[in-house]
C-alpha atoms as a PDB file:
ATOM      1  CA  GLN A   1       7.857 -15.019  10.553  1.00  0.00           C
ATOM      2  CA  VAL A   2       7.007 -12.381   8.555  1.00  0.00           C
ATOM      3  CA  LYS A   3       3.566 -10.997   9.082  1.00  0.00           C
ATOM      4  CA  LEU A   4       1.585  -8.225   7.275  1.00  0.00           C
ATOM      5  CA  VAL A   5      -1.639  -6.906   8.464  1.00  0.00           C
ATOM      6  CA  GLU A   6      -3.911  -4.216   6.234  1.00  0.00           C
ATOM      7  CA  SER A   7      -6.422  -2.228   7.794  1.00  0.00           C
ATOM      8  CA  GLY A   8      -8.639   1.008   7.038  1.00  0.00           C
ATOM      9  CA  GLY A   9     -10.362   0.125   3.882  1.00  0.00           C
ATOM     10  CA  GLY A  10     -14.114   0.629   3.531  1.00  0.00           C
ATOM     11  CA  LEU A  11     -16.568   2.567   1.530  1.00  0.00           C
ATOM     12  CA  VAL A  12     -16.128   6.001   0.635  1.00  0.00           C
ATOM     13  CA  GLN A  13     -17.990   8.420  -2.102  1.00  0.00           C
ATOM     14  CA  ALA A  14     -15.970   9.903  -4.894  1.00  0.00           C
ATOM     15  CA  GLY A  15     -13.882  12.846  -3.442  1.00  0.00           C
ATOM     16  CA  GLY A  16     -13.634  11.512  -0.257  1.00  0.00           C
ATOM     17  CA  SER A  17     -10.224  10.057   1.719  1.00  0.00           C
ATOM     18  CA  LEU A  18      -8.976   6.821   3.404  1.00  0.00           C
ATOM     19  CA  ARG A  19      -6.070   5.984   5.247  1.00  0.00           C
ATOM     20  CA  LEU A  20      -4.875   2.314   5.000  1.00  0.00           C
ATOM     21  CA  SER A  21      -2.465   1.157   7.726  1.00  0.00           C
ATOM     22  CA  CYS A  22       0.015  -2.115   7.343  1.00  0.00           C
ATOM     23  CA  ALA A  23       1.080  -3.594  10.538  1.00  0.00           C
ATOM     24  CA  ALA A  24       4.328  -5.562  10.312  1.00  0.00           C
ATOM     25  CA  SER A  25       5.880  -8.148  12.354  1.00  0.00           C
ATOM     26  CA  GLY A  26       8.444 -10.929  12.540  1.00  0.00           C
ATOM     27  CA  TYR A  27      11.311  -8.874  10.995  1.00  0.00           C
ATOM     28  CA  THR A  28      13.292  -5.613  11.116  1.00  0.00           C
ATOM     29  CA  PHE A  29      10.900  -3.493   9.460  1.00  0.00           C
ATOM     30  CA  SER A  30      13.272  -0.469   9.037  1.00  0.00           C
ATOM     31  CA  SER A  31      15.610  -2.212   7.086  1.00  0.00           C
ATOM     32  CA  TYR A  32      12.835  -3.414   4.602  1.00  0.00           C
ATOM     33  CA  ASN A  33      11.617  -2.259   1.476  1.00  0.00           C
ATOM     34  CA  MET A  34       7.882  -1.406   1.815  1.00  0.00           C
ATOM     35  CA  GLY A  35       5.004  -1.202  -0.934  1.00  0.00           C
ATOM     36  CA  TRP A  36       1.145  -0.910  -1.803  1.00  0.00           C
ATOM     37  CA  PHE A  37      -0.535  -2.908  -4.598  1.00  0.00           C
ATOM     38  CA  ARG A  38      -3.907  -3.067  -5.584  1.00  0.00           C
ATOM     39  CA  GLN A  39      -5.973  -5.478  -7.540  1.00  0.00           C
ATOM     40  CA  ALA A  40      -9.318  -4.597  -9.322  1.00  0.00           C
ATOM     41  CA  PRO A  41     -11.948  -7.279  -9.937  1.00  0.00           C
ATOM     42  CA  GLY A  42     -10.628  -8.935 -13.549  1.00  0.00           C
ATOM     43  CA  LYS A  43      -7.477  -7.217 -13.485  1.00  0.00           C
ATOM     44  CA  GLU A  44      -3.775  -7.857 -12.451  1.00  0.00           C
ATOM     45  CA  ARG A  45      -2.269  -6.637  -9.095  1.00  0.00           C
ATOM     46  CA  GLU A  46      -0.626  -3.139  -9.812  1.00  0.00           C
ATOM     47  CA  PHE A  47       1.747  -1.095  -8.161  1.00  0.00           C
ATOM     48  CA  VAL A  48       0.538   1.996  -6.495  1.00  0.00           C
ATOM     49  CA  ALA A  49       3.219   3.066  -4.151  1.00  0.00           C
ATOM     50  CA  ALA A  50       6.433   2.013  -2.405  1.00  0.00           C
ATOM     51  CA  MET A  51       8.835   3.591   0.118  1.00  0.00           C
ATOM     52  CA  THR A  52      12.476   2.172   0.720  1.00  0.00           C
ATOM     53  CA  TRP A  53      14.314   1.523   3.809  1.00  0.00           C
ATOM     54  CA  THR A  54      16.052   4.568   2.959  1.00  0.00           C
ATOM     55  CA  GLY A  55      12.896   6.544   2.706  1.00  0.00           C
ATOM     56  CA  SER A  56      12.883   7.342  -1.223  1.00  0.00           C
ATOM     57  CA  THR A  57       9.135   7.239  -2.583  1.00  0.00           C
ATOM     58  CA  TYR A  58       7.608   5.904  -5.593  1.00  0.00           C
ATOM     59  CA  TYR A  59       4.086   6.302  -7.015  1.00  0.00           C
ATOM     60  CA  THR A  60       2.057   5.064 -10.071  1.00  0.00           C
ATOM     61  CA  ASP A  61       1.124   8.222 -12.400  1.00  0.00           C
ATOM     62  CA  SER A  62      -2.529   7.981 -11.476  1.00  0.00           C
ATOM     63  CA  VAL A  63      -2.236   8.696  -7.592  1.00  0.00           C
ATOM     64  CA  LYS A  64       0.669  11.338  -7.637  1.00  0.00           C
ATOM     65  CA  GLY A  65      -0.592  14.247  -6.085  1.00  0.00           C
ATOM     66  CA  ARG A  66      -3.656  12.022  -4.272  1.00  0.00           C
ATOM     67  CA  PHE A  67      -1.974   9.487  -2.322  1.00  0.00           C
ATOM     68  CA  THR A  68       0.873   9.465   0.360  1.00  0.00           C
ATOM     69  CA  ILE A  69       2.832   6.771   1.458  1.00  0.00           C
ATOM     70  CA  SER A  70       4.741   7.009   4.860  1.00  0.00           C
ATOM     71  CA  ARG A  71       6.381   4.767   7.474  1.00  0.00           C
ATOM     72  CA  ASP A  72       6.812   4.786  11.208  1.00  0.00           C
ATOM     73  CA  ASN A  73       9.683   2.704  12.056  1.00  0.00           C
ATOM     74  CA  ALA A  74       9.415   2.823  15.615  1.00  0.00           C
ATOM     75  CA  LYS A  75       5.979   1.296  15.307  1.00  0.00           C
ATOM     76  CA  ASN A  76       6.456  -1.183  12.377  1.00  0.00           C
ATOM     77  CA  THR A  77       3.814   0.522  10.613  1.00  0.00           C
ATOM     78  CA  MET A  78       3.550   1.826   7.070  1.00  0.00           C
ATOM     79  CA  CYS A  79       0.365   3.979   6.029  1.00  0.00           C
ATOM     80  CA  LEU A  80      -1.197   5.171   2.699  1.00  0.00           C
ATOM     81  CA  GLN A  81      -3.140   8.272   2.779  1.00  0.00           C
ATOM     82  CA  MET A  82      -5.646   8.167  -0.119  1.00  0.00           C
ATOM     83  CA  ASN A  83      -6.973  11.572  -0.916  1.00  0.00           C
ATOM     84  CA  SER A  84      -9.559  12.775  -3.831  1.00  0.00           C
ATOM     85  CA  LEU A  85     -10.482   9.088  -4.310  1.00  0.00           C
ATOM     86  CA  LYS A  86     -12.467   8.454  -7.690  1.00  0.00           C
ATOM     87  CA  PRO A  87     -14.307   5.138  -8.697  1.00  0.00           C
ATOM     88  CA  GLU A  88     -11.160   3.560 -10.525  1.00  0.00           C
ATOM     89  CA  ASP A  89      -9.514   3.431  -7.077  1.00  0.00           C
ATOM     90  CA  THR A  90     -11.964   0.507  -6.052  1.00  0.00           C
ATOM     91  CA  ALA A  91      -9.461  -2.440  -5.411  1.00  0.00           C
ATOM     92  CA  VAL A  92      -8.414  -4.834  -3.020  1.00  0.00           C
ATOM     93  CA  TYR A  93      -5.206  -3.241  -1.549  1.00  0.00           C
ATOM     94  CA  TYR A  94      -1.983  -4.963  -0.449  1.00  0.00           C
ATOM     95  CA  CYS A  95       0.888  -4.273   1.648  1.00  0.00           C
ATOM     96  CA  ALA A  96       4.172  -5.834   0.646  1.00  0.00           C
ATOM     97  CA  ALA A  97       7.718  -6.075   2.036  1.00  0.00           C
ATOM     98  CA  ASP A  98      11.143  -7.139   0.977  1.00  0.00           C
ATOM     99  CA  PRO A  99      14.679  -6.592   2.256  1.00  0.00           C
ATOM    100  CA  ARG A 100      15.897  -6.047  -1.228  1.00  0.00           C
ATOM    101  CA  GLY A 101      13.347  -5.970  -3.934  1.00  0.00           C
ATOM    102  CA  GLY A 102      11.106  -3.300  -5.235  1.00  0.00           C
ATOM    103  CA  PRO A 103       9.932  -0.688  -5.797  1.00  0.00           C
ATOM    104  CA  TYR A 104       7.536  -1.517  -8.701  1.00  0.00           C
ATOM    105  CA  ALA A 105       7.414  -4.949  -9.543  1.00  0.00           C
ATOM    106  CA  ARG A 106       5.277  -7.101  -7.442  1.00  0.00           C
ATOM    107  CA  ASP A 107       7.676  -9.899  -8.087  1.00  0.00           C
ATOM    108  CA  GLU A 108      10.258  -8.140  -6.252  1.00  0.00           C
ATOM    109  CA  TYR A 109       8.405  -8.465  -3.010  1.00  0.00           C
ATOM    110  CA  ALA A 110       8.403 -11.933  -0.787  1.00  0.00           C
ATOM    111  CA  TYR A 111       5.968 -10.922   1.609  1.00  0.00           C
ATOM    112  CA  TRP A 112       2.195  -9.934   1.238  1.00  0.00           C
ATOM    113  CA  GLY A 113      -0.581  -9.189   3.561  1.00  0.00           C
ATOM    114  CA  GLN A 114      -4.076 -10.495   2.793  1.00  0.00           C
ATOM    115  CA  GLY A 115      -5.428  -7.151   1.812  1.00  0.00           C
ATOM    116  CA  THR A 116      -8.015  -4.582   2.481  1.00  0.00           C
ATOM    117  CA  GLN A 117     -10.972  -3.612   0.346  1.00  0.00           C
ATOM    118  CA  VAL A 118     -11.496  -0.004  -0.719  1.00  0.00           C
ATOM    119  CA  THR A 119     -14.647   1.150  -2.613  1.00  0.00           C
ATOM    120  CA  VAL A 120     -15.537   4.217  -3.891  1.00  0.00           C
ATOM    121  CA  SER A 121     -18.519   5.040  -5.179  1.00  0.00           C
ATOM    122  CA  SER A 122     -19.555   7.703  -7.613  1.00  0.00           C
END
């Protein structure tokens, strides 16, 4: 079965960096679209970034120039490099996968990880 496991979250000061990873198993990783979403307390889960199986990338405006999504098909891993972090980036970050859906709408993704907490202090 499809399994997605996020790691790399933590507490960082504003202006700092974190690198999130999503380890995938149970499916042909290279043929799936992958995405990162986040959910802050009291808010809906929102799109952050995505990379299609063809390598196209998408970002929400608030992270453009600061976050970089990447994938390593040989290692079945997707990463999100987050630089210049801001307190408003604080959220639980989730990776998502779908063979055809994406990139922006969470309803387009069938498979989800359990999330990793990112906290940015001011």
